[in-house]
């Protein structure tokens, strides 16, 4: 049985998915049969000559021969109804869209469960680091106390250059853009919004609560910072039975903390729990290959579930409303830059 895939988006990540499938998994029982792109060019048609291309994403979702939709096109408004339709019509969905997952992931996950299909989105958080599967499969019998992480490679690269090499912020940003770590418009990265989306997703998986972006205090890195080891952190910390502190922003970090050695465009997450205490995962958090690898890890899991005839429930999502929790902000500090305890 060949599992047929419809691909929404064929840019950096979508191209990476195709490249890895072609190079490393020729025997996989999967086939990308259609792909939706914003623009069809002769060069793109030549590069993907064996894949029919279309600018009509809805037609890919409506194709009854397709089993799995892989969505790497980004955006929320045009993408959400496409994924809803795919799930409603019995298609499995794999997405790398952090903005959409942060805002609508819970409802899409519940829709997938109701339709007995899979909804996967490991690639939406921290690239190749398997943090969502780790939270789902390693911690069901443990209570997570705190998650601290570096979730934005652009910000981490800039602060590495300014903290360790004395670069000015504008020079470090230009270098990040030249290396492909930062977009032409880096606002979402340097303002902390990108990291806030990822923290919202992690909070749902770790604590069972879905905060809104407005409930997550955030501070960007586009400001004058002191001479110290500074990292762009996301923090979710249990402060009581139903109290959760959330924060995104730059923190002064002690050299003894393992996150202090996570430099460049790498991401990392440090999970503190009752039974296992501290565990850290680290790896590349962005780019074509790391993110595409996370997409294909989800696809491998989904293929196994389809072959076994089981209903995919990749992250065991059992969420509560944010009203069940008191979401609190971090304590203010006089210096403007807090120190990670």
Protein backbone atom coordinates (compact mmCIF):
# COMPACT_ATOMS: atom_id res chain seq x y z
CA UNK A 1 0.00 0.00 0.00
CA UNK A 2 1.41 3.36 -1.04
CA UNK A 3 0.41 6.29 1.17
CA UNK A 4 -0.23 9.33 -1.01
CA UNK A 5 0.79 12.77 0.19
CA UNK A 6 -0.41 16.23 -0.76
CA UNK A 7 2.14 18.92 0.02
CA UNK A 8 1.03 22.47 0.84
CA UNK A 9 4.08 24.63 0.35
CA UNK A 10 7.27 23.89 -1.54
CA UNK A 11 9.67 26.49 -0.19
CA UNK A 12 12.62 25.89 2.13
CA UNK A 13 11.01 23.22 4.32
CA UNK A 14 8.87 21.65 1.60
CA UNK A 15 11.88 21.36 -0.64
CA UNK A 16 13.80 19.78 2.23
CA UNK A 17 11.06 17.17 2.67
CA UNK A 18 11.29 16.21 -1.00
CA UNK A 19 15.10 16.16 -0.97
CA UNK A 20 15.28 13.85 2.05
CA UNK A 21 12.62 11.52 0.68
CA UNK A 22 14.46 11.28 -2.62
CA UNK A 23 17.91 10.77 -1.11
CA UNK A 24 17.35 8.69 2.00
CA UNK A 25 14.01 6.94 1.88
CA UNK A 26 13.44 5.52 -1.61
CA UNK A 27 11.83 2.40 -0.13
CA UNK A 28 9.29 4.26 2.00
CA UNK A 29 5.69 3.36 1.06
CA UNK A 30 4.87 7.04 0.46
CA UNK A 31 4.51 9.19 -2.62
CA UNK A 32 4.06 12.94 -2.95
CA UNK A 33 1.42 13.06 -5.65
CA UNK A 34 0.56 16.79 -5.71
CA UNK A 35 2.04 20.00 -4.33
CA UNK A 36 0.55 23.47 -3.93
CA UNK A 37 2.86 26.45 -4.50
CA UNK A 38 2.37 30.20 -4.64
CA UNK A 39 3.99 30.52 -8.05
CA UNK A 40 4.72 27.98 -10.76
CA UNK A 41 7.92 28.69 -12.66
CA UNK A 42 9.72 26.67 -15.35
CA UNK A 43 12.67 26.17 -12.99
CA UNK A 44 10.43 24.78 -10.27
CA UNK A 45 8.60 22.52 -12.71
CA UNK A 46 11.94 21.16 -13.91
CA UNK A 47 13.17 20.62 -10.35
CA UNK A 48 10.01 18.69 -9.39
CA UNK A 49 9.13 17.21 -12.76
CA UNK A 50 7.57 14.09 -11.22
CA UNK A 51 5.20 16.05 -8.94
CA UNK A 52 2.18 17.88 -10.41
CA UNK A 53 2.21 21.47 -9.15
CA UNK A 54 -0.77 23.75 -8.63
CA UNK A 55 -1.46 27.19 -7.19
CA UNK A 56 -4.83 25.96 -5.88
CA UNK A 57 -4.17 24.57 -2.40
CA UNK A 58 -7.85 23.76 -1.90
CA UNK A 59 -7.75 21.36 -4.84
CA UNK A 60 -4.97 19.39 -3.17
CA UNK A 61 -6.99 19.11 0.04
CA UNK A 62 -10.08 18.07 -1.95
CA UNK A 63 -8.23 15.32 -3.84
CA UNK A 64 -9.87 12.08 -2.68
CA UNK A 65 -6.82 9.99 -3.58
CA UNK A 66 -4.59 11.76 -1.06
CA UNK A 67 -4.18 10.21 2.40
CA UNK A 68 -1.92 12.74 4.16
CA UNK A 69 -1.61 16.52 3.94
CA UNK A 70 1.79 17.95 4.86
CA UNK A 71 1.43 21.70 5.45
CA UNK A 72 4.55 23.87 5.37
CA UNK A 73 3.10 26.98 3.73
CA UNK A 74 2.72 29.06 6.90
CA UNK A 75 0.19 31.80 7.72
CA UNK A 76 -3.03 31.33 9.67
CA UNK A 77 -6.09 32.75 7.90
CA UNK A 78 -5.76 30.98 4.53
CA UNK A 79 -4.34 27.81 6.09
CA UNK A 80 -6.71 27.04 8.97
CA UNK A 81 -9.77 26.25 6.79
CA UNK A 82 -7.61 24.04 4.57
CA UNK A 83 -6.49 21.92 7.53
CA UNK A 84 -10.00 21.83 8.97
CA UNK A 85 -11.32 20.54 5.64
CA UNK A 86 -8.56 17.96 5.40
CA UNK A 87 -9.35 16.59 8.86
CA UNK A 88 -13.11 16.68 8.30
CA UNK A 89 -12.68 14.61 5.13
CA UNK A 90 -10.60 11.94 6.85
CA UNK A 91 -7.10 13.00 5.86
CA UNK A 92 -4.17 12.89 8.26
CA UNK A 93 -2.34 16.21 8.70
CA UNK A 94 1.30 17.05 9.47
CA UNK A 95 2.06 20.74 9.99
CA UNK A 96 5.12 22.88 10.74
CA UNK A 97 3.01 26.03 11.24
CA UNK A 98 3.78 27.32 14.74
CA UNK A 99 1.59 30.44 14.47
CA UNK A 100 -1.44 28.36 13.54
CA UNK A 101 -0.74 25.57 16.06
CA UNK A 102 -0.28 28.05 18.91
CA UNK A 103 -3.61 29.69 18.19
CA UNK A 104 -5.73 26.79 16.89
CA UNK A 105 -3.80 23.61 17.70
CA UNK A 106 -6.12 22.45 20.46
CA UNK A 107 -9.26 22.63 18.34
CA UNK A 108 -7.52 20.94 15.40
CA UNK A 109 -6.22 18.15 17.66
CA UNK A 110 -9.73 17.55 19.01
CA UNK A 111 -11.15 17.53 15.48
CA UNK A 112 -8.54 14.95 14.45
CA UNK A 113 -9.47 12.72 17.40
CA UNK A 114 -13.16 13.00 16.53
CA UNK A 115 -12.43 12.04 12.91
CA UNK A 116 -10.03 9.21 13.94
CA UNK A 117 -7.12 10.70 12.00
CA UNK A 118 -3.70 11.97 13.00
CA UNK A 119 -2.68 15.58 13.56
CA UNK A 120 1.08 15.97 13.95
CA UNK A 121 3.17 19.13 14.40
CA UNK A 122 6.56 18.27 15.93
CA UNK A 123 8.25 20.51 13.35
CA UNK A 124 6.39 23.57 14.67
CA UNK A 125 8.58 23.74 17.78
CA UNK A 126 12.40 23.74 17.90
CA UNK A 127 13.10 22.17 14.54
CA UNK A 128 14.72 18.76 14.82
CA UNK A 129 14.50 18.54 18.64
CA UNK A 130 11.80 15.92 19.42
CA UNK A 131 10.38 17.87 22.33
CA UNK A 132 6.67 17.19 21.73
CA UNK A 133 7.12 13.43 21.46
CA UNK A 134 9.36 13.55 24.54
CA UNK A 135 6.70 15.36 26.57
CA UNK A 136 3.98 12.98 25.38
CA UNK A 137 5.82 9.69 25.78
CA UNK A 138 8.37 10.28 28.56
CA UNK A 139 6.44 12.30 31.13
CA UNK A 140 2.91 10.87 31.46
CA UNK A 141 3.69 9.50 34.95
CA UNK A 142 5.79 12.48 36.04
CA UNK A 143 4.89 16.03 37.00
CA UNK A 144 6.75 18.72 35.10
CA UNK A 145 7.75 21.63 37.31
CA UNK A 146 9.51 23.89 34.85
CA UNK A 147 10.47 24.20 31.19
CA UNK A 148 13.23 26.61 30.25
CA UNK A 149 14.46 26.79 26.70
CA UNK A 150 16.09 28.62 23.84
CA UNK A 151 13.42 28.42 21.17
CA UNK A 152 14.49 30.99 18.58
CA UNK A 153 17.71 30.42 16.66
CA UNK A 154 17.81 33.94 15.23
CA UNK A 155 17.78 35.57 18.67
CA UNK A 156 20.27 33.07 20.05
CA UNK A 157 22.67 33.70 17.17
CA UNK A 158 22.45 37.48 17.64
CA UNK A 159 23.02 37.28 21.40
CA UNK A 160 25.90 34.84 20.91
CA UNK A 161 27.56 37.37 18.62
CA UNK A 162 26.96 40.30 20.97
CA UNK A 163 27.72 38.48 24.24
CA UNK A 164 30.78 36.47 23.20
CA UNK A 165 32.26 38.34 20.24
CA UNK A 166 31.41 41.94 21.04
CA UNK A 167 29.39 42.53 17.89
CA UNK A 168 26.89 45.34 17.74
CA UNK A 169 23.24 44.33 17.50
CA UNK A 170 22.79 45.68 13.96
CA UNK A 171 25.94 43.90 12.72
CA UNK A 172 24.88 40.62 14.33
CA UNK A 173 21.43 40.91 12.77
CA UNK A 174 22.90 41.54 9.32
CA UNK A 175 25.17 38.50 9.74
CA UNK A 176 22.19 36.37 10.80
CA UNK A 177 20.33 37.47 7.68
CA UNK A 178 23.34 36.75 5.48
CA UNK A 179 23.64 33.23 6.92
CA UNK A 180 19.93 32.55 6.42
CA UNK A 181 19.14 32.48 10.16
CA UNK A 182 16.98 35.62 10.02
CA UNK A 183 14.26 36.76 7.63
CA UNK A 184 14.41 40.02 5.73
CA UNK A 185 11.83 41.21 8.29
CA UNK A 186 13.07 39.72 11.58
CA UNK A 187 10.40 41.35 13.76
CA UNK A 188 8.73 38.14 14.97
CA UNK A 189 12.10 36.68 15.98
CA UNK A 190 13.72 39.63 17.75
CA UNK A 191 10.48 40.77 19.41
CA UNK A 192 9.92 37.36 21.04
CA UNK A 193 6.66 36.64 19.22
CA UNK A 194 8.01 33.55 17.47
CA UNK A 195 9.23 32.18 20.82
CA UNK A 196 5.87 33.00 22.45
CA UNK A 197 4.06 30.87 19.88
CA UNK A 198 6.36 27.96 20.68
CA UNK A 199 5.94 28.45 24.42
CA UNK A 200 2.16 28.33 24.03
CA UNK A 201 2.44 24.96 22.26
CA UNK A 202 4.85 23.55 24.86
CA UNK A 203 2.65 24.76 27.72
CA UNK A 204 -0.29 22.83 26.31
CA UNK A 205 1.71 19.62 26.05
CA UNK A 206 3.54 19.99 29.38
CA UNK A 207 0.85 21.40 31.65
CA UNK A 208 -2.43 20.76 29.86
CA UNK A 209 -3.31 24.43 29.54
CA UNK A 210 -3.50 26.54 26.39
CA UNK A 211 -2.55 30.16 27.09
CA UNK A 212 -3.30 32.93 24.66
CA UNK A 213 -0.39 34.90 23.25
CA UNK A 214 -1.67 37.91 25.22
CA UNK A 215 -1.14 35.94 28.45
CA UNK A 216 2.57 35.45 27.75
CA UNK A 217 4.71 38.44 28.82
CA UNK A 218 7.52 38.92 26.32
CA UNK A 219 10.48 41.19 25.87
CA UNK A 220 12.55 41.39 22.70
CA UNK A 221 16.30 41.38 22.29
CA UNK A 222 16.36 44.56 20.18
CA UNK A 223 17.54 46.72 23.06
CA UNK A 224 20.77 47.55 24.87
CA UNK A 225 21.75 44.63 27.09
CA UNK A 226 24.40 44.37 29.82
CA UNK A 227 27.78 42.66 29.37
CA UNK A 228 26.98 39.14 30.57
CA UNK A 229 25.97 35.73 29.28
CA UNK A 230 22.47 36.47 27.99
CA UNK A 231 20.14 33.97 26.38
CA UNK A 232 16.70 34.48 24.77
CA UNK A 233 14.61 32.21 26.95
CA UNK A 234 11.11 30.81 27.13
CA UNK A 235 9.96 29.82 30.62
CA UNK A 236 6.92 27.96 31.90
CA UNK A 237 7.12 27.29 35.63
CA UNK A 238 4.63 25.75 38.02
CA UNK A 239 4.20 28.03 41.04
CA UNK A 240 1.36 26.21 42.74
CA UNK A 241 -1.22 23.47 42.11
CA UNK A 242 -3.01 25.64 39.50
CA UNK A 243 -0.61 28.55 39.06
CA UNK A 244 1.75 28.91 36.10
CA UNK A 245 4.36 31.60 35.40
CA UNK A 246 5.07 32.23 31.72
CA UNK A 247 7.74 34.48 30.22
CA UNK A 248 9.64 35.16 27.01
CA UNK A 249 12.71 37.39 26.89
CA UNK A 250 16.44 37.82 27.48
CA UNK A 251 17.83 36.49 30.75
CA UNK A 252 21.25 36.71 32.30
CA UNK A 253 22.34 33.11 32.73
CA UNK A 254 25.03 31.65 35.01
CA UNK A 255 27.97 29.79 33.39
CA UNK A 256 27.06 26.68 35.42
CA UNK A 257 23.69 26.40 33.69
CA UNK A 258 23.88 23.99 30.73
CA UNK A 259 21.88 26.42 28.59
CA UNK A 260 24.80 28.87 28.80
CA UNK A 261 26.75 26.72 26.34
CA UNK A 262 24.01 26.64 23.68
CA UNK A 263 25.33 29.06 21.10
CA UNK A 264 24.78 30.15 17.53
CA UNK A 265 21.48 29.22 15.91
CA UNK A 266 20.98 26.13 18.10
CA UNK A 267 17.91 25.58 20.27
CA UNK A 268 17.63 23.71 23.56
CA UNK A 269 15.09 22.92 26.23
CA UNK A 270 15.67 22.01 29.88
CA UNK A 271 12.81 20.07 31.49
CA UNK A 272 12.63 19.87 35.30
CA UNK A 273 10.25 17.31 36.77
CA UNK A 274 9.48 15.61 40.06
CA UNK A 275 10.86 12.17 39.23
CA UNK A 276 13.46 12.64 36.49
CA UNK A 277 14.65 16.01 37.78
CA UNK A 278 16.55 17.77 34.95
CA UNK A 279 16.84 16.64 31.32
CA UNK A 280 18.07 18.76 28.40
CA UNK A 281 17.56 18.33 24.68
CA UNK A 282 19.61 20.39 22.21
CA UNK A 283 19.93 20.63 18.45
CA UNK A 284 19.41 22.76 15.35
CA UNK A 285 16.17 24.66 15.65
CA UNK A 286 15.67 25.91 12.12
CA UNK A 287 16.62 25.40 8.51
CA UNK A 288 15.47 23.16 5.70
CA UNK A 289 16.99 19.86 6.79
CA UNK A 290 16.32 19.99 10.57
CA UNK A 291 12.72 21.09 10.17
CA UNK A 292 12.06 18.71 7.28
CA UNK A 293 13.53 15.89 9.37
CA UNK A 294 10.99 16.64 12.10
CA UNK A 295 8.20 16.53 9.49
CA UNK A 296 9.43 13.14 8.28
CA UNK A 297 9.74 11.82 11.83
CA UNK A 298 6.03 12.56 12.21
CA UNK A 299 5.38 10.91 8.86
CA UNK A 300 7.27 7.76 9.93
CA UNK A 301 5.16 7.57 13.10
CA UNK A 302 1.98 8.08 11.08
CA UNK A 303 2.93 5.39 8.53
CA UNK A 304 3.36 2.93 11.40
CA UNK A 305 -0.07 3.81 12.82
CA UNK A 306 -1.73 3.45 9.40
CA UNK A 307 -0.09 0.05 8.82
CA UNK A 308 -1.19 -1.15 12.26
CA UNK A 309 -4.72 0.13 11.75
CA UNK A 310 -4.64 2.17 14.97
CA UNK A 311 -6.00 5.67 15.55
CA UNK A 312 -3.09 8.12 15.75
CA UNK A 313 -2.95 10.21 18.92
CA UNK A 314 0.65 11.44 18.71
CA UNK A 315 0.81 13.75 21.72
CA UNK A 316 -1.95 12.36 23.97
CA UNK A 317 -3.52 15.80 24.22
CA UNK A 318 -5.71 16.18 27.25
CA UNK A 319 -6.09 19.91 27.77
CA UNK A 320 -7.91 22.10 30.24
CA UNK A 321 -9.07 25.64 29.73
CA UNK A 322 -6.82 28.50 30.73
CA UNK A 323 -9.51 29.52 33.22
CA UNK A 324 -8.58 26.47 35.31
CA UNK A 325 -5.14 27.98 35.85
CA UNK A 326 -3.89 31.30 37.09
CA UNK A 327 -1.39 32.52 34.51
CA UNK A 328 1.06 34.93 36.18
CA UNK A 329 3.89 37.13 34.95
CA UNK A 330 7.46 36.99 36.25
CA UNK A 331 8.41 39.31 39.07
CA UNK A 332 9.69 42.68 37.82
CA UNK A 333 13.40 43.41 38.26
CA UNK A 334 15.05 46.78 38.75
CA UNK A 335 17.80 46.15 36.18
CA UNK A 336 15.39 45.39 33.33
CA UNK A 337 17.13 42.08 32.55
CA UNK A 338 16.26 39.27 34.98
CA UNK A 339 18.70 36.59 36.11
CA UNK A 340 17.67 32.96 35.63
CA UNK A 341 17.42 31.35 39.04
